[in-house]
Amino acid sequence: MKRLFTVLLCAMVVAASFACGEDKGKASKQAQAKAPTQAQKKQQERMSACTKQAGEKKLKGDARKKFMSACLEGKSTVASAKRQVKQDRAGECNKQASLRNLKGEERKRFISSCLRG
């Protein structure tokens, strides 16, 4: 009888220690999952700021992807955005000159005036 009582008591102690250990593990994992790290917070803030800037500039498609990539990497987004606008404008002026079949000095004058706005 004493042995049975001792065995049951030991089994209860072991089961209780496992149960308490599992609860602690789950609680700490849940706490870690809910509380973002400092780096995660910084990345989330950067993502929201870049998204807001891209929305203000009304960027779409590839231009938005390039902007977001540069912004999230922390590169100078103002300079790269201005450069991108200039490149887009130059490409558009070039297309217009080609459609008008402009050549030589006339093409240069047209593109120059087109780029000025």
N, C-alpha and C. Protein backbone atom coordinates (compact mmCIF):
# COMPACT_ATOMS: atom_id res chain seq x y z
N MET A 1 0.81 -1.18 0.00
CA MET A 1 0.00 0.00 0.00
C MET A 1 0.87 1.26 0.00
N LYS A 2 1.93 1.21 0.82
CA LYS A 2 2.84 2.35 0.87
C LYS A 2 3.51 2.57 -0.49
N ARG A 3 3.86 1.47 -1.16
CA ARG A 3 4.50 1.58 -2.46
C ARG A 3 3.56 2.18 -3.49
N LEU A 4 2.34 1.76 -3.48
CA LEU A 4 1.36 2.29 -4.42
C LEU A 4 1.17 3.79 -4.20
N PHE A 5 1.07 4.18 -2.93
CA PHE A 5 0.92 5.59 -2.60
C PHE A 5 2.14 6.39 -3.05
N THR A 6 3.34 5.86 -2.85
CA THR A 6 4.58 6.53 -3.23
C THR A 6 4.68 6.67 -4.75
N VAL A 7 4.32 5.61 -5.47
CA VAL A 7 4.37 5.64 -6.92
C VAL A 7 3.38 6.67 -7.46
N LEU A 8 2.18 6.71 -6.95
CA LEU A 8 1.17 7.69 -7.37
C LEU A 8 1.62 9.12 -7.08
N LEU A 9 2.21 9.29 -5.92
CA LEU A 9 2.69 10.62 -5.54
C LEU A 9 3.80 11.09 -6.49
N CYS A 10 4.72 10.20 -6.79
CA CYS A 10 5.81 10.53 -7.73
C CYS A 10 5.26 10.84 -9.12
N ALA A 11 4.30 10.07 -9.57
CA ALA A 11 3.70 10.28 -10.88
C ALA A 11 3.01 11.63 -10.94
N MET A 12 2.35 12.01 -9.87
CA MET A 12 1.67 13.31 -9.82
C MET A 12 2.67 14.46 -9.85
N VAL A 13 3.78 14.31 -9.15
CA VAL A 13 4.80 15.35 -9.12
C VAL A 13 5.42 15.51 -10.51
N VAL A 14 5.73 14.41 -11.17
CA VAL A 14 6.32 14.45 -12.50
C VAL A 14 5.33 15.08 -13.49
N ALA A 15 4.07 14.67 -13.43
CA ALA A 15 3.05 15.21 -14.34
C ALA A 15 2.86 16.71 -14.10
N ALA A 16 2.87 17.12 -12.86
CA ALA A 16 2.70 18.54 -12.54
C ALA A 16 3.88 19.37 -13.05
N SER A 17 5.08 18.82 -12.95
CA SER A 17 6.25 19.57 -13.43
C SER A 17 6.21 19.72 -14.95
N PHE A 18 5.78 18.68 -15.67
CA PHE A 18 5.65 18.80 -17.12
C PHE A 18 4.58 19.80 -17.50
N ALA A 19 3.47 19.77 -16.79
CA ALA A 19 2.37 20.69 -17.11
C ALA A 19 2.79 22.14 -16.87
N CYS A 20 3.50 22.39 -15.80
CA CYS A 20 3.96 23.76 -15.53
C CYS A 20 5.00 24.20 -16.55
N GLY A 21 5.86 23.31 -16.95
CA GLY A 21 6.90 23.63 -17.91
C GLY A 21 6.31 23.97 -19.27
N GLU A 22 5.25 23.26 -19.70
CA GLU A 22 4.62 23.55 -20.99
C GLU A 22 3.93 24.90 -20.97
N ASP A 23 3.30 25.26 -19.88
CA ASP A 23 2.61 26.54 -19.79
C ASP A 23 3.60 27.69 -19.88
N LYS A 24 4.74 27.54 -19.22
CA LYS A 24 5.74 28.60 -19.26
C LYS A 24 6.27 28.78 -20.67
N GLY A 25 6.52 27.68 -21.36
CA GLY A 25 7.02 27.75 -22.72
C GLY A 25 6.03 28.41 -23.65
N LYS A 26 4.75 28.06 -23.54
CA LYS A 26 3.73 28.65 -24.40
C LYS A 26 3.56 30.13 -24.10
N ALA A 27 3.58 30.47 -22.83
CA ALA A 27 3.39 31.88 -22.44
C ALA A 27 4.54 32.74 -22.95
N SER A 28 5.75 32.23 -22.83
CA SER A 28 6.89 33.03 -23.28
C SER A 28 6.91 33.14 -24.80
N LYS A 29 6.51 32.09 -25.52
CA LYS A 29 6.45 32.15 -26.98
C LYS A 29 5.38 33.13 -27.43
N GLN A 30 4.24 33.13 -26.74
CA GLN A 30 3.17 34.07 -27.09
C GLN A 30 3.61 35.50 -26.82
N ALA A 31 4.31 35.72 -25.72
CA ALA A 31 4.78 37.06 -25.39
C ALA A 31 5.78 37.55 -26.43
N GLN A 32 6.66 36.64 -26.89
CA GLN A 32 7.64 37.01 -27.91
C GLN A 32 6.95 37.30 -29.24
N ALA A 33 5.93 36.54 -29.57
CA ALA A 33 5.23 36.73 -30.83
C ALA A 33 4.46 38.05 -30.83
N LYS A 34 3.94 38.45 -29.71
CA LYS A 34 3.14 39.67 -29.62
C LYS A 34 4.01 40.92 -29.56
N ALA A 35 5.14 40.84 -28.91
CA ALA A 35 5.99 42.02 -28.75
C ALA A 35 7.09 42.01 -29.82
N PRO A 36 7.00 42.91 -30.82
CA PRO A 36 8.04 42.95 -31.85
C PRO A 36 9.35 43.49 -31.30
N THR A 37 10.42 43.06 -31.90
CA THR A 37 11.73 43.52 -31.46
C THR A 37 11.95 44.96 -31.92
N GLN A 38 12.99 45.56 -31.45
CA GLN A 38 13.30 46.94 -31.81
C GLN A 38 13.56 47.05 -33.31
N ALA A 39 14.25 46.07 -33.87
CA ALA A 39 14.53 46.08 -35.31
C ALA A 39 13.24 45.95 -36.12
N GLN A 40 12.33 45.11 -35.64
CA GLN A 40 11.05 44.95 -36.33
C GLN A 40 10.24 46.24 -36.29
N LYS A 41 10.27 46.91 -35.15
CA LYS A 41 9.55 48.18 -35.03
C LYS A 41 10.12 49.21 -36.00
N LYS A 42 11.45 49.26 -36.08
CA LYS A 42 12.11 50.22 -36.96
C LYS A 42 11.76 49.94 -38.42
N GLN A 43 11.75 48.65 -38.80
CA GLN A 43 11.41 48.26 -40.17
C GLN A 43 9.95 48.60 -40.48
N GLN A 44 9.05 48.38 -39.52
CA GLN A 44 7.63 48.69 -39.72
C GLN A 44 7.44 50.20 -39.91
N GLU A 45 8.15 50.99 -39.13
CA GLU A 45 8.05 52.44 -39.26
C GLU A 45 8.58 52.90 -40.62
N ARG A 46 9.70 52.32 -41.04
CA ARG A 46 10.28 52.67 -42.33
C ARG A 46 9.33 52.28 -43.46
N MET A 47 8.71 51.09 -43.34
CA MET A 47 7.77 50.62 -44.36
C MET A 47 6.57 51.56 -44.48
N SER A 48 6.02 51.97 -43.35
CA SER A 48 4.85 52.86 -43.40
C SER A 48 5.23 54.23 -43.95
N ALA A 49 6.41 54.73 -43.61
CA ALA A 49 6.86 56.03 -44.12
C ALA A 49 7.09 55.96 -45.64
N CYS A 50 7.71 54.89 -46.11
CA CYS A 50 7.96 54.74 -47.55
C CYS A 50 6.65 54.57 -48.32
N THR A 51 5.72 53.82 -47.76
CA THR A 51 4.43 53.63 -48.41
C THR A 51 3.69 54.96 -48.51
N LYS A 52 3.77 55.75 -47.45
CA LYS A 52 3.11 57.05 -47.46
C LYS A 52 3.73 57.96 -48.53
N GLN A 53 5.06 57.98 -48.61
CA GLN A 53 5.74 58.81 -49.61
C GLN A 53 5.38 58.36 -51.03
N ALA A 54 5.34 57.05 -51.25
CA ALA A 54 5.00 56.54 -52.58
C ALA A 54 3.57 56.90 -52.94
N GLY A 55 2.68 56.88 -51.96
CA GLY A 55 1.30 57.28 -52.20
C GLY A 55 1.17 58.75 -52.52
N GLU A 56 1.93 59.59 -51.81
CA GLU A 56 1.90 61.03 -52.06
C GLU A 56 2.42 61.36 -53.47
N LYS A 57 3.40 60.57 -53.92
CA LYS A 57 3.97 60.81 -55.25
C LYS A 57 3.16 60.12 -56.34
N LYS A 58 2.14 59.37 -55.94
CA LYS A 58 1.25 58.65 -56.86
C LYS A 58 2.03 57.73 -57.78
N LEU A 59 2.99 57.01 -57.20
CA LEU A 59 3.80 56.08 -57.97
C LEU A 59 3.05 54.76 -58.14
N LYS A 60 3.21 54.15 -59.30
CA LYS A 60 2.57 52.86 -59.57
C LYS A 60 3.52 51.98 -60.35
N GLY A 61 3.28 50.69 -60.29
CA GLY A 61 4.04 49.73 -61.09
C GLY A 61 5.51 49.67 -60.74
N ASP A 62 6.33 49.62 -61.79
CA ASP A 62 7.78 49.49 -61.61
C ASP A 62 8.40 50.68 -60.90
N ALA A 63 7.87 51.88 -61.17
CA ALA A 63 8.41 53.07 -60.51
C ALA A 63 8.20 52.97 -59.00
N ARG A 64 7.04 52.46 -58.59
CA ARG A 64 6.76 52.29 -57.16
C ARG A 64 7.68 51.23 -56.56
N LYS A 65 7.87 50.13 -57.27
CA LYS A 65 8.74 49.07 -56.76
C LYS A 65 10.17 49.57 -56.56
N LYS A 66 10.68 50.31 -57.55
CA LYS A 66 12.04 50.84 -57.44
C LYS A 66 12.15 51.82 -56.27
N PHE A 67 11.14 52.68 -56.17
CA PHE A 67 11.14 53.66 -55.09
C PHE A 67 11.10 52.97 -53.73
N MET A 68 10.20 52.00 -53.57
CA MET A 68 10.08 51.30 -52.29
C MET A 68 11.36 50.55 -51.94
N SER A 69 11.98 49.94 -52.92
CA SER A 69 13.22 49.21 -52.69
C SER A 69 14.31 50.16 -52.19
N ALA A 70 14.46 51.27 -52.88
CA ALA A 70 15.47 52.25 -52.48
C ALA A 70 15.15 52.84 -51.12
N CYS A 71 13.90 53.14 -50.89
CA CYS A 71 13.48 53.75 -49.63
C CYS A 71 13.72 52.80 -48.46
N LEU A 72 13.36 51.53 -48.62
CA LEU A 72 13.52 50.57 -47.53
C LEU A 72 14.99 50.26 -47.25
N GLU A 73 15.82 50.38 -48.26
CA GLU A 73 17.26 50.19 -48.04
C GLU A 73 17.90 51.40 -47.39
N GLY A 74 17.16 52.51 -47.36
CA GLY A 74 17.67 53.72 -46.73
C GLY A 74 18.48 54.58 -47.66
N LYS A 75 18.40 54.32 -48.95
CA LYS A 75 19.12 55.14 -49.92
C LYS A 75 18.43 56.49 -50.03
N SER A 76 19.11 57.44 -50.61
CA SER A 76 18.57 58.77 -50.78
C SER A 76 17.40 58.72 -51.75
N THR A 77 16.21 58.73 -51.21
CA THR A 77 15.03 58.57 -52.04
C THR A 77 14.69 59.85 -52.78
N VAL A 78 15.00 60.99 -52.23
CA VAL A 78 14.69 62.25 -52.89
C VAL A 78 15.50 62.38 -54.18
N ALA A 79 16.79 62.11 -54.08
CA ALA A 79 17.65 62.21 -55.25
C ALA A 79 17.28 61.16 -56.29
N SER A 80 17.04 59.93 -55.85
CA SER A 80 16.71 58.88 -56.82
C SER A 80 15.34 59.11 -57.44
N ALA A 81 14.41 59.68 -56.70
CA ALA A 81 13.08 59.97 -57.24
C ALA A 81 13.18 61.08 -58.28
N LYS A 82 13.97 62.12 -58.00
CA LYS A 82 14.15 63.20 -58.97
C LYS A 82 14.84 62.69 -60.23
N ARG A 83 15.84 61.85 -60.04
CA ARG A 83 16.55 61.29 -61.18
C ARG A 83 15.59 60.44 -62.02
N GLN A 84 14.74 59.67 -61.36
CA GLN A 84 13.77 58.83 -62.06
C GLN A 84 12.79 59.67 -62.86
N VAL A 85 12.34 60.78 -62.28
CA VAL A 85 11.41 61.67 -62.99
C VAL A 85 12.08 62.25 -64.22
N LYS A 86 13.35 62.67 -64.08
CA LYS A 86 14.08 63.22 -65.22
C LYS A 86 14.26 62.18 -66.32
N GLN A 87 14.58 60.96 -65.93
CA GLN A 87 14.76 59.90 -66.91
C GLN A 87 13.45 59.60 -67.62
N ASP A 88 12.36 59.55 -66.87
CA ASP A 88 11.05 59.30 -67.47
C ASP A 88 10.68 60.41 -68.45
N ARG A 89 10.94 61.64 -68.04
CA ARG A 89 10.61 62.78 -68.90
C ARG A 89 11.47 62.77 -70.17
N ALA A 90 12.77 62.46 -70.03
CA ALA A 90 13.66 62.40 -71.19
C ALA A 90 13.19 61.31 -72.16
N GLY A 91 12.79 60.18 -71.62
CA GLY A 91 12.28 59.10 -72.46
C GLY A 91 11.04 59.51 -73.22
N GLU A 92 10.13 60.21 -72.54
CA GLU A 92 8.90 60.67 -73.17
C GLU A 92 9.20 61.70 -74.27
N CYS A 93 10.10 62.62 -73.99
CA CYS A 93 10.49 63.63 -75.00
C CYS A 93 11.13 62.96 -76.21
N ASN A 94 11.94 61.96 -75.95
CA ASN A 94 12.60 61.23 -77.02
C ASN A 94 11.57 60.52 -77.91
N LYS A 95 10.57 59.92 -77.30
CA LYS A 95 9.50 59.25 -78.05
C LYS A 95 8.75 60.25 -78.93
N GLN A 96 8.43 61.40 -78.36
CA GLN A 96 7.71 62.43 -79.11
C GLN A 96 8.54 62.91 -80.30
N ALA A 97 9.83 63.08 -80.09
CA ALA A 97 10.70 63.52 -81.19
C ALA A 97 10.75 62.46 -82.29
N SER A 98 10.78 61.20 -81.90
CA SER A 98 10.80 60.12 -82.89
C SER A 98 9.48 60.06 -83.66
N LEU A 99 8.37 60.26 -82.97
CA LEU A 99 7.07 60.25 -83.63
C LEU A 99 6.96 61.39 -84.66
N ARG A 100 7.60 62.49 -84.37
CA ARG A 100 7.57 63.66 -85.28
C ARG A 100 8.66 63.58 -86.35
N ASN A 101 9.43 62.52 -86.33
CA ASN A 101 10.52 62.31 -87.29
C ASN A 101 11.50 63.48 -87.32
N LEU A 102 11.84 63.98 -86.13
CA LEU A 102 12.78 65.10 -86.03
C LEU A 102 14.21 64.56 -86.07
N LYS A 103 15.09 65.32 -86.73
CA LYS A 103 16.49 64.90 -86.85
C LYS A 103 17.41 66.10 -86.64
N GLY A 104 18.62 65.80 -86.23
CA GLY A 104 19.66 66.82 -86.13
C GLY A 104 19.36 67.93 -85.14
N GLU A 105 19.64 69.16 -85.59
CA GLU A 105 19.51 70.34 -84.72
C GLU A 105 18.05 70.55 -84.28
N GLU A 106 17.13 70.27 -85.17
CA GLU A 106 15.71 70.44 -84.84
C GLU A 106 15.30 69.50 -83.70
N ARG A 107 15.81 68.27 -83.73
CA ARG A 107 15.53 67.30 -82.67
C ARG A 107 16.11 67.78 -81.35
N LYS A 108 17.34 68.28 -81.36
CA LYS A 108 17.99 68.77 -80.14
C LYS A 108 17.20 69.92 -79.53
N ARG A 109 16.76 70.85 -80.37
CA ARG A 109 15.97 71.98 -79.86
C ARG A 109 14.65 71.51 -79.25
N PHE A 110 14.00 70.58 -79.96
CA PHE A 110 12.72 70.08 -79.45
C PHE A 110 12.90 69.39 -78.10
N ILE A 111 13.87 68.50 -77.99
CA ILE A 111 14.09 67.76 -76.74
C ILE A 111 14.47 68.72 -75.63
N SER A 112 15.30 69.70 -75.95
CA SER A 112 15.69 70.69 -74.95
C SER A 112 14.48 71.45 -74.41
N SER A 113 13.62 71.90 -75.32
CA SER A 113 12.43 72.62 -74.86
C SER A 113 11.47 71.71 -74.12
N CYS A 114 11.38 70.48 -74.57
CA CYS A 114 10.49 69.50 -73.91
C CYS A 114 10.96 69.22 -72.48
N LEU A 115 12.25 69.09 -72.29
CA LEU A 115 12.79 68.79 -70.96
C LEU A 115 12.61 69.96 -69.99
N ARG A 116 12.59 71.17 -70.53
CA ARG A 116 12.39 72.34 -69.65
C ARG A 116 10.96 72.43 -69.15
N GLY A 117 10.08 71.80 -69.86
CA GLY A 117 8.70 71.79 -69.36
C GLY A 117 7.78 72.53 -70.20
